[in-house]
Structures are given as structure tokens and as C-alpha cells.
Amino acid sequence: MITGEQIRRARELLGWTRFKLGSRAGLHPAIVERAEEAVGALPVTSYQQALLRNALNAAGVEFTEGEAPGVLLKAPTKERR
């Protein structure tokens, strides 16, 4: 499971707005905002969560698990633009 903070940090690493992430994921920016502001379980469907994760993964983001979940940026790709 990814967290709202991970989504926000991943988006910021890419230099994307909420609108751009929503567009890449096929979601309304309000859904991105709701997910990013969540503490604990995301208030979005598992399908919406998968769309967000897939859009960020395609852009080169890697989600890390462990004691302090975070994000890393993999090698640059065309999707990051």
C-alpha cells in the first residue's frame, strides 16, 4: 500500500502538478488531492490507487517500503516530461 505522502513526494520529484498526475492517471485532480492529503488508508478505490501508482511508476518513480516508506526516482524516461 502506498501512502498519501508518498504520492505527493513522487509527484514533486517529477515536478508534476496535481492536474498533470491526474491526467496521466486518468483521474480528476481532486482525487489526487484527496489521496495526497490522506493519513493512513487512502480514501480512494483500489482501482484509483492502482492508476496513480502505475502513472508514477511509468514516469520512473519507485515506491520503497520499510520502516520509513518513501520514493526514489529511477533512470530518466520519456514519460517524465
Protein backbone atom coordinates (compact mmCIF):
# COMPACT_ATOMS: atom_id res chain seq x y z
CA MET A 1 0.00 0.00 0.00
CA ILE A 2 1.27 3.46 -0.83
CA THR A 3 0.65 6.48 1.35
CA GLY A 4 -0.63 9.94 0.57
CA GLU A 5 2.77 11.36 1.45
CA GLN A 6 4.48 9.01 -1.00
CA ILE A 7 2.15 10.13 -3.78
CA ARG A 8 2.80 13.80 -3.01
CA ARG A 9 6.57 13.32 -2.79
CA ALA A 10 6.64 11.30 -6.01
CA ARG A 11 4.68 13.98 -7.83
CA GLU A 12 7.01 16.67 -6.52
CA LEU A 13 10.11 14.66 -7.56
CA LEU A 14 8.75 14.65 -11.10
CA GLY A 15 7.85 18.33 -10.98
CA TRP A 16 4.24 17.49 -11.79
CA THR A 17 1.14 19.35 -10.70
CA ARG A 18 -1.86 17.51 -9.34
CA PHE A 19 -3.52 18.21 -12.67
CA LYS A 20 -0.71 16.52 -14.60
CA LEU A 21 -0.69 13.44 -12.36
CA GLY A 22 -4.46 13.22 -12.63
CA SER A 23 -4.23 13.50 -16.40
CA ARG A 24 -1.55 10.80 -16.61
CA ALA A 25 -3.56 8.53 -14.32
CA GLY A 26 -6.91 9.27 -15.96
CA LEU A 27 -8.30 10.77 -12.75
CA HIS A 28 -9.69 14.13 -11.68
CA PRO A 29 -7.13 16.31 -9.83
CA ALA A 30 -9.48 16.36 -6.82
CA ILE A 31 -8.92 12.61 -6.42
CA VAL A 32 -5.15 13.20 -6.45
CA GLU A 33 -5.57 15.90 -3.81
CA ARG A 34 -7.75 13.67 -1.64
CA ALA A 35 -5.23 10.82 -1.87
CA GLU A 36 -2.25 13.07 -1.08
CA GLU A 37 -3.86 14.58 1.99
CA ALA A 38 -4.79 11.23 3.50
CA VAL A 39 -3.20 9.97 6.68
CA GLY A 40 -3.40 6.21 6.86
CA ALA A 41 -5.57 4.36 4.37
CA LEU A 42 -6.18 6.24 1.13
CA PRO A 43 -9.78 7.46 0.67
CA VAL A 44 -9.81 6.28 -2.95
CA THR A 45 -10.75 2.99 -4.54
CA SER A 46 -8.13 0.30 -5.06
CA TYR A 47 -8.56 0.89 -8.81
CA GLN A 48 -7.80 4.62 -8.43
CA GLN A 49 -4.81 3.81 -6.25
CA ALA A 50 -3.52 1.44 -8.94
CA LEU A 51 -3.95 4.13 -11.60
CA LEU A 52 -1.92 6.59 -9.51
CA ARG A 53 0.80 4.03 -8.79
CA ASN A 54 1.02 2.95 -12.43
CA ALA A 55 1.26 6.53 -13.72
CA LEU A 56 4.04 7.32 -11.27
CA ASN A 57 5.86 4.03 -11.93
CA ALA A 58 5.72 4.68 -15.68
CA ALA A 59 7.37 8.04 -15.05
CA GLY A 60 10.27 6.43 -13.20
CA VAL A 61 9.13 6.53 -9.59
CA GLU A 62 9.89 3.59 -7.34
CA PHE A 63 7.99 3.24 -4.08
CA THR A 64 10.04 1.97 -1.15
CA GLU A 65 8.67 0.05 1.80
CA GLY A 66 10.11 -0.49 5.24
CA GLU A 67 10.29 1.48 8.45
CA ALA A 68 10.12 4.77 6.58
CA PRO A 69 8.21 4.34 3.29
CA GLY A 70 9.45 6.69 0.62
CA VAL A 71 10.05 7.21 -3.07
CA LEU A 72 13.04 7.07 -5.39
CA LEU A 73 13.45 8.31 -8.93
CA LYS A 74 14.81 5.69 -11.31
CA ALA A 75 16.65 6.47 -14.54
CA PRO A 76 15.02 9.23 -16.61
CA THR A 77 12.36 8.18 -19.09
CA LYS A 78 10.35 9.92 -21.80
CA GLU A 79 7.26 9.68 -19.55
CA ARG A 80 8.70 12.20 -17.07
CA ARG A 81 8.17 15.10 -19.45
